[in-house]
Amino acid sequence: MPFKIRLLLSSIVVMLTLNINAAHAASTLLIMGDSLSAAHNLRQQEGWVSLLKKPLAHSYPNVVIENASVSGETSQGGLSRFPALLKQYAPKWVVIELGANDALRGYPLDQTTLNLGKMIEQAQLANSTVLLIGNRIPQNYGKRYTDMFFGLYKTLADQYDVNYMPFMLKNVALNKTLMQQDGLHPTAEGQKVVLKNVLPYLIQLLDKEKKQ
């Protein structure tokens, strides 16, 4: 085969590879969560993140979901892993669902706020659109602490102008039939309700990008 033709074919292969990689990167949805997004004590396919693939498949077939959630993850742990994940996946969208383990362990909320804020900044610098998911903790931690914890998410969402979901366990957390025995994590049926809660916020996120 003549050299010029080989060179042309090689160039075409490189361009196609770059285009495929760019398309993949531009359509990646990265989930950064804790056990609530990691299907704790369940099969992975029963978690809301895995269940998300089916409803998105028809209207958003090019969206690739990457679940980087880890059970027991804190905001500090998520922050330490985040730069490498941004580099690896170059996500177009990032869902940040972290902080509950900080509060359950009594960590200072100003540090949690700082960690989550840094993650949002890093995502925005990487041109990723963020959905920040808030959380609640049991009232036995004290009303002042629990209220401050819940409020930090809205404060961050306003500060960084990001999409915000107040609470993903609505209609789940107080329903014993939808929660595991630990009272903290949804059952397989509860995960389906979590998906219904999260889905409208994600669709709004994806639609916003479509219109731009």
C-alpha atoms as a PDB file:
ATOM      1  CA  MET A   1       0.000   0.000   0.000  1.00  0.00           C
ATOM      2  CA  PRO A   2       1.487   3.409  -0.984  1.00  0.00           C
ATOM      3  CA  PHE A   3       2.777   5.521   1.902  1.00  0.00           C
ATOM      4  CA  LYS A   4       0.368   8.425   1.233  1.00  0.00           C
ATOM      5  CA  ILE A   5      -2.642   6.134   1.358  1.00  0.00           C
ATOM      6  CA  ARG A   6      -1.420   4.520   4.596  1.00  0.00           C
ATOM      7  CA  LEU A   7      -0.885   7.979   6.067  1.00  0.00           C
ATOM      8  CA  LEU A   8      -4.373   9.059   5.023  1.00  0.00           C
ATOM      9  CA  LEU A   9      -5.975   5.953   6.497  1.00  0.00           C
ATOM     10  CA  SER A  10      -4.045   6.402   9.739  1.00  0.00           C
ATOM     11  CA  SER A  11      -5.212  10.008   9.962  1.00  0.00           C
ATOM     12  CA  ILE A  12      -8.810   8.947   9.430  1.00  0.00           C
ATOM     13  CA  VAL A  13      -8.545   6.317  12.183  1.00  0.00           C
ATOM     14  CA  VAL A  14      -7.066   8.867  14.592  1.00  0.00           C
ATOM     15  CA  MET A  15      -9.795  11.405  13.817  1.00  0.00           C
ATOM     16  CA  LEU A  16     -12.536   8.820  14.277  1.00  0.00           C
ATOM     17  CA  THR A  17     -11.022   7.715  17.575  1.00  0.00           C
ATOM     18  CA  LEU A  18     -10.808  11.298  18.822  1.00  0.00           C
ATOM     19  CA  ASN A  19     -14.397  11.966  17.785  1.00  0.00           C
ATOM     20  CA  ILE A  20     -15.639   8.837  19.541  1.00  0.00           C
ATOM     21  CA  ASN A  21     -13.742   9.698  22.724  1.00  0.00           C
ATOM     22  CA  ALA A  22     -14.979  13.290  22.629  1.00  0.00           C
ATOM     23  CA  ALA A  23     -18.577  12.178  22.157  1.00  0.00           C
ATOM     24  CA  HIS A  24     -18.257   9.761  25.075  1.00  0.00           C
ATOM     25  CA  ALA A  25     -16.734  12.399  27.329  1.00  0.00           C
ATOM     26  CA  ALA A  26     -19.300  15.012  26.409  1.00  0.00           C
ATOM     27  CA  SER A  27     -22.165  12.711  27.377  1.00  0.00           C
ATOM     28  CA  THR A  28     -20.925  11.302  30.687  1.00  0.00           C
ATOM     29  CA  LEU A  29     -23.004  11.682  33.849  1.00  0.00           C
ATOM     30  CA  LEU A  30     -20.808  11.149  36.914  1.00  0.00           C
ATOM     31  CA  ILE A  31     -22.446  10.265  40.244  1.00  0.00           C
ATOM     32  CA  MET A  32     -20.365  11.162  43.312  1.00  0.00           C
ATOM     33  CA  GLY A  33     -22.231   9.760  46.281  1.00  0.00           C
ATOM     34  CA  ASP A  34     -22.083   7.662  49.404  1.00  0.00           C
ATOM     35  CA  SER A  35     -23.978   4.497  50.396  1.00  0.00           C
ATOM     36  CA  LEU A  36     -27.292   6.057  49.362  1.00  0.00           C
ATOM     37  CA  SER A  37     -26.076   5.993  45.768  1.00  0.00           C
ATOM     38  CA  ALA A  38     -23.947   2.858  46.064  1.00  0.00           C
ATOM     39  CA  ALA A  39     -26.839   0.405  46.623  1.00  0.00           C
ATOM     40  CA  HIS A  40     -25.768  -0.380  50.188  1.00  0.00           C
ATOM     41  CA  ASN A  41     -26.631  -3.993  51.172  1.00  0.00           C
ATOM     42  CA  LEU A  42     -28.322  -4.514  47.803  1.00  0.00           C
ATOM     43  CA  ARG A  43     -27.304  -5.829  44.425  1.00  0.00           C
ATOM     44  CA  GLN A  44     -25.877  -3.033  42.299  1.00  0.00           C
ATOM     45  CA  GLN A  45     -28.663  -3.372  39.739  1.00  0.00           C
ATOM     46  CA  GLU A  46     -31.216  -2.619  42.479  1.00  0.00           C
ATOM     47  CA  GLY A  47     -29.765   0.793  43.298  1.00  0.00           C
ATOM     48  CA  TRP A  48     -31.336   3.969  41.942  1.00  0.00           C
ATOM     49  CA  VAL A  49     -28.268   4.788  39.837  1.00  0.00           C
ATOM     50  CA  SER A  50     -28.472   1.481  37.965  1.00  0.00           C
ATOM     51  CA  LEU A  51     -32.240   1.832  37.667  1.00  0.00           C
ATOM     52  CA  LEU A  52     -31.683   5.268  36.123  1.00  0.00           C
ATOM     53  CA  LYS A  53     -30.307   3.753  32.918  1.00  0.00           C
ATOM     54  CA  LYS A  54     -33.674   2.459  31.717  1.00  0.00           C
ATOM     55  CA  PRO A  55     -35.708   5.705  31.858  1.00  0.00           C
ATOM     56  CA  LEU A  56     -32.845   7.647  30.244  1.00  0.00           C
ATOM     57  CA  ALA A  57     -32.204   5.121  27.485  1.00  0.00           C
ATOM     58  CA  HIS A  58     -34.963   6.319  25.127  1.00  0.00           C
ATOM     59  CA  SER A  59     -34.730  10.109  25.338  1.00  0.00           C
ATOM     60  CA  TYR A  60     -31.033  10.351  26.187  1.00  0.00           C
ATOM     61  CA  PRO A  61     -29.381   7.339  24.514  1.00  0.00           C
ATOM     62  CA  ASN A  62     -25.954   8.982  24.420  1.00  0.00           C
ATOM     63  CA  VAL A  63     -25.727   9.579  28.156  1.00  0.00           C
ATOM     64  CA  VAL A  64     -23.150   7.327  29.819  1.00  0.00           C
ATOM     65  CA  ILE A  65     -23.665   6.900  33.566  1.00  0.00           C
ATOM     66  CA  GLU A  66     -20.562   6.418  35.702  1.00  0.00           C
ATOM     67  CA  ASN A  67     -21.261   5.668  39.347  1.00  0.00           C
ATOM     68  CA  ALA A  68     -18.275   6.585  41.536  1.00  0.00           C
ATOM     69  CA  SER A  69     -20.270   6.340  44.777  1.00  0.00           C
ATOM     70  CA  VAL A  70     -18.673   4.576  47.751  1.00  0.00           C
ATOM     71  CA  SER A  71     -20.400   3.371  50.908  1.00  0.00           C
ATOM     72  CA  GLY A  72     -19.158   5.277  53.936  1.00  0.00           C
ATOM     73  CA  GLU A  73     -17.740   8.087  51.810  1.00  0.00           C
ATOM     74  CA  THR A  74     -17.273  11.489  53.438  1.00  0.00           C
ATOM     75  CA  SER A  75     -16.992  14.829  51.709  1.00  0.00           C
ATOM     76  CA  GLN A  76     -13.237  14.740  52.346  1.00  0.00           C
ATOM     77  CA  GLY A  77     -12.951  11.314  50.750  1.00  0.00           C
ATOM     78  CA  GLY A  78     -14.998  12.428  47.769  1.00  0.00           C
ATOM     79  CA  LEU A  79     -12.883  15.557  47.362  1.00  0.00           C
ATOM     80  CA  SER A  80      -9.660  13.533  47.403  1.00  0.00           C
ATOM     81  CA  ARG A  81     -10.913  11.227  44.631  1.00  0.00           C
ATOM     82  CA  PHE A  82     -12.634  13.874  42.548  1.00  0.00           C
ATOM     83  CA  PRO A  83      -9.788  15.378  40.461  1.00  0.00           C
ATOM     84  CA  ALA A  84      -8.765  11.967  39.113  1.00  0.00           C
ATOM     85  CA  LEU A  85     -12.363  11.105  38.251  1.00  0.00           C
ATOM     86  CA  LEU A  86     -12.850  14.410  36.442  1.00  0.00           C
ATOM     87  CA  LYS A  87      -9.719  13.702  34.443  1.00  0.00           C
ATOM     88  CA  GLN A  88     -10.732  10.115  33.727  1.00  0.00           C
ATOM     89  CA  TYR A  89     -14.328  10.721  32.631  1.00  0.00           C
ATOM     90  CA  ALA A  90     -14.445  14.420  31.657  1.00  0.00           C
ATOM     91  CA  PRO A  91     -18.137  14.396  32.636  1.00  0.00           C
ATOM     92  CA  LYS A  92     -20.641  16.789  31.164  1.00  0.00           C
ATOM     93  CA  TRP A  93     -22.765  16.470  34.293  1.00  0.00           C
ATOM     94  CA  VAL A  94     -21.849  15.710  37.903  1.00  0.00           C
ATOM     95  CA  VAL A  95     -24.223  14.715  40.688  1.00  0.00           C
ATOM     96  CA  ILE A  96     -22.768  15.393  44.150  1.00  0.00           C
ATOM     97  CA  GLU A  97     -24.539  13.456  46.912  1.00  0.00           C
ATOM     98  CA  LEU A  98     -22.174  13.601  49.872  1.00  0.00           C
ATOM     99  CA  GLY A  99     -22.024  14.916  53.411  1.00  0.00           C
ATOM    100  CA  ALA A 100     -24.358  12.636  55.343  1.00  0.00           C
ATOM    101  CA  ASN A 101     -21.493  10.576  56.755  1.00  0.00           C
ATOM    102  CA  ASP A 102     -19.773  13.771  57.879  1.00  0.00           C
ATOM    103  CA  ALA A 103     -22.832  14.711  59.909  1.00  0.00           C
ATOM    104  CA  LEU A 104     -23.422  11.211  61.285  1.00  0.00           C
ATOM    105  CA  ARG A 105     -19.853  11.285  62.603  1.00  0.00           C
ATOM    106  CA  GLY A 106     -20.262  14.761  64.037  1.00  0.00           C
ATOM    107  CA  TYR A 107     -17.702  16.423  61.777  1.00  0.00           C
ATOM    108  CA  PRO A 108     -17.578  20.253  61.760  1.00  0.00           C
ATOM    109  CA  LEU A 109     -20.079  21.461  59.178  1.00  0.00           C
ATOM    110  CA  ASP A 110     -17.844  24.297  58.033  1.00  0.00           C
ATOM    111  CA  GLN A 111     -15.348  21.690  56.828  1.00  0.00           C
ATOM    112  CA  THR A 112     -18.092  19.765  55.024  1.00  0.00           C
ATOM    113  CA  THR A 113     -19.210  22.998  53.398  1.00  0.00           C
ATOM    114  CA  LEU A 114     -15.642  23.776  52.352  1.00  0.00           C
ATOM    115  CA  ASN A 115     -15.108  20.289  50.874  1.00  0.00           C
ATOM    116  CA  LEU A 116     -18.325  20.330  48.876  1.00  0.00           C
ATOM    117  CA  GLY A 117     -17.612  23.851  47.707  1.00  0.00           C
ATOM    118  CA  LYS A 118     -14.202  22.775  46.402  1.00  0.00           C
ATOM    119  CA  MET A 119     -15.812  19.878  44.523  1.00  0.00           C
ATOM    120  CA  ILE A 120     -18.306  22.232  42.888  1.00  0.00           C
ATOM    121  CA  GLU A 121     -15.509  24.625  41.930  1.00  0.00           C
ATOM    122  CA  GLN A 122     -13.471  21.802  40.414  1.00  0.00           C
ATOM    123  CA  ALA A 123     -16.470  20.553  38.442  1.00  0.00           C
ATOM    124  CA  GLN A 124     -17.220  24.019  37.122  1.00  0.00           C
ATOM    125  CA  LEU A 125     -13.596  24.558  36.122  1.00  0.00           C
ATOM    126  CA  ALA A 126     -13.892  21.290  34.185  1.00  0.00           C
ATOM    127  CA  ASN A 127     -17.029  22.657  32.440  1.00  0.00           C
ATOM    128  CA  SER A 128     -19.288  20.131  34.174  1.00  0.00           C
ATOM    129  CA  THR A 129     -22.844  21.050  35.139  1.00  0.00           C
ATOM    130  CA  VAL A 130     -23.561  20.169  38.771  1.00  0.00           C
ATOM    131  CA  LEU A 131     -26.617  18.808  40.553  1.00  0.00           C
ATOM    132  CA  LEU A 132     -26.131  19.089  44.313  1.00  0.00           C
ATOM    133  CA  ILE A 133     -28.313  16.718  46.348  1.00  0.00           C
ATOM    134  CA  GLY A 134     -28.974  17.644  49.953  1.00  0.00           C
ATOM    135  CA  ASN A 135     -29.679  15.326  52.848  1.00  0.00           C
ATOM    136  CA  ARG A 136     -31.140  15.154  56.315  1.00  0.00           C
ATOM    137  CA  ILE A 137     -29.963  13.390  59.450  1.00  0.00           C
ATOM    138  CA  PRO A 138     -31.981  12.109  62.440  1.00  0.00           C
ATOM    139  CA  GLN A 139     -33.212  14.718  64.905  1.00  0.00           C
ATOM    140  CA  ASN A 140     -31.397  13.017  67.782  1.00  0.00           C
ATOM    141  CA  TYR A 141     -28.282  14.907  66.666  1.00  0.00           C
ATOM    142  CA  GLY A 142     -29.941  18.068  67.915  1.00  0.00           C
ATOM    143  CA  LYS A 143     -32.214  20.492  66.107  1.00  0.00           C
ATOM    144  CA  ARG A 144     -29.589  23.196  65.667  1.00  0.00           C
ATOM    145  CA  TYR A 145     -27.025  20.829  64.145  1.00  0.00           C
ATOM    146  CA  THR A 146     -29.546  19.030  61.907  1.00  0.00           C
ATOM    147  CA  ASP A 147     -31.006  22.312  60.656  1.00  0.00           C
ATOM    148  CA  MET A 148     -27.564  23.728  59.943  1.00  0.00           C
ATOM    149  CA  PHE A 149     -26.610  20.550  58.100  1.00  0.00           C
ATOM    150  CA  PHE A 150     -29.702  20.604  55.921  1.00  0.00           C
ATOM    151  CA  GLY A 151     -29.237  24.310  55.217  1.00  0.00           C
ATOM    152  CA  LEU A 152     -25.640  24.120  54.054  1.00  0.00           C
ATOM    153  CA  TYR A 153     -26.689  22.534  50.733  1.00  0.00           C
ATOM    154  CA  LYS A 154     -29.033  25.361  49.776  1.00  0.00           C
ATOM    155  CA  THR A 155     -26.387  27.881  50.777  1.00  0.00           C
ATOM    156  CA  LEU A 156     -23.848  26.173  48.500  1.00  0.00           C
ATOM    157  CA  ALA A 157     -26.326  25.889  45.642  1.00  0.00           C
ATOM    158  CA  ASP A 158     -27.046  29.621  45.841  1.00  0.00           C
ATOM    159  CA  GLN A 159     -23.381  30.549  46.226  1.00  0.00           C
ATOM    160  CA  TYR A 160     -22.250  28.587  43.172  1.00  0.00           C
ATOM    161  CA  ASP A 161     -25.490  28.853  41.191  1.00  0.00           C
ATOM    162  CA  VAL A 162     -25.859  25.098  40.712  1.00  0.00           C
ATOM    163  CA  ASN A 163     -28.878  22.852  40.355  1.00  0.00           C
ATOM    164  CA  TYR A 164     -30.195  21.719  43.732  1.00  0.00           C
ATOM    165  CA  MET A 165     -32.338  18.874  45.052  1.00  0.00           C
ATOM    166  CA  PRO A 166     -33.177  19.282  48.759  1.00  0.00           C
ATOM    167  CA  PHE A 167     -33.749  15.643  49.763  1.00  0.00           C
ATOM    168  CA  MET A 168     -33.650  12.404  47.779  1.00  0.00           C
ATOM    169  CA  LEU A 169     -35.360  10.231  50.415  1.00  0.00           C
ATOM    170  CA  LYS A 170     -38.685  12.066  50.333  1.00  0.00           C
ATOM    171  CA  ASN A 171     -41.545   9.602  50.999  1.00  0.00           C
ATOM    172  CA  VAL A 172     -38.926   6.966  51.789  1.00  0.00           C
ATOM    173  CA  ALA A 173     -37.000   7.904  54.958  1.00  0.00           C
ATOM    174  CA  LEU A 174     -40.025   7.769  57.286  1.00  0.00           C
ATOM    175  CA  ASN A 175     -41.621   4.727  55.637  1.00  0.00           C
ATOM    176  CA  LYS A 176     -40.342   1.653  57.485  1.00  0.00           C
ATOM    177  CA  THR A 177     -41.490  -0.657  54.681  1.00  0.00           C
ATOM    178  CA  LEU A 178     -39.129   1.134  52.279  1.00  0.00           C
ATOM    179  CA  MET A 179     -36.129   1.312  54.607  1.00  0.00           C
ATOM    180  CA  GLN A 180     -33.649  -1.337  55.668  1.00  0.00           C
ATOM    181  CA  GLN A 181     -33.392  -2.344  59.319  1.00  0.00           C
ATOM    182  CA  ASP A 182     -30.660   0.220  59.954  1.00  0.00           C
ATOM    183  CA  GLY A 183     -33.190   2.985  59.281  1.00  0.00           C
ATOM    184  CA  LEU A 184     -30.709   4.798  57.039  1.00  0.00           C
ATOM    185  CA  HIS A 185     -30.757   3.025  53.688  1.00  0.00           C
ATOM    186  CA  PRO A 186     -33.639   2.280  51.302  1.00  0.00           C
ATOM    187  CA  THR A 187     -34.680  -1.246  50.408  1.00  0.00           C
ATOM    188  CA  ALA A 188     -34.889  -2.347  46.785  1.00  0.00           C
ATOM    189  CA  GLU A 189     -38.465  -1.013  46.672  1.00  0.00           C
ATOM    190  CA  GLY A 190     -37.336   2.180  48.344  1.00  0.00           C
ATOM    191  CA  GLN A 191     -34.679   2.645  45.670  1.00  0.00           C
ATOM    192  CA  LYS A 192     -37.443   2.793  43.056  1.00  0.00           C
ATOM    193  CA  VAL A 193     -39.053   5.690  44.927  1.00  0.00           C
ATOM    194  CA  VAL A 194     -35.669   7.414  45.227  1.00  0.00           C
ATOM    195  CA  LEU A 195     -35.341   7.140  41.457  1.00  0.00           C
ATOM    196  CA  LYS A 196     -38.759   8.776  41.000  1.00  0.00           C
ATOM    197  CA  ASN A 197     -37.617  11.577  43.285  1.00  0.00           C
ATOM    198  CA  VAL A 198     -34.296  12.158  41.525  1.00  0.00           C
ATOM    199  CA  LEU A 199     -35.382  11.655  37.919  1.00  0.00           C
ATOM    200  CA  PRO A 200     -37.160  15.021  37.368  1.00  0.00           C
ATOM    201  CA  TYR A 201     -34.104  16.905  38.584  1.00  0.00           C
ATOM    202  CA  LEU A 202     -31.823  14.930  36.290  1.00  0.00           C
ATOM    203  CA  ILE A 203     -34.090  15.366  33.287  1.00  0.00           C
ATOM    204  CA  GLN A 204     -34.156  19.098  33.952  1.00  0.00           C
ATOM    205  CA  LEU A 205     -30.362  19.011  34.042  1.00  0.00           C
ATOM    206  CA  LEU A 206     -30.067  17.104  30.764  1.00  0.00           C
ATOM    207  CA  ASP A 207     -32.752  19.175  29.027  1.00  0.00           C
ATOM    208  CA  LYS A 208     -31.011  22.383  30.005  1.00  0.00           C
ATOM    209  CA  GLU A 209     -27.920  21.237  28.154  1.00  0.00           C
ATOM    210  CA  LYS A 210     -29.986  20.239  25.115  1.00  0.00           C
ATOM    211  CA  LYS A 211     -31.378  23.746  24.786  1.00  0.00           C
ATOM    212  CA  GLN A 212     -28.007  25.457  24.982  1.00  0.00           C
END
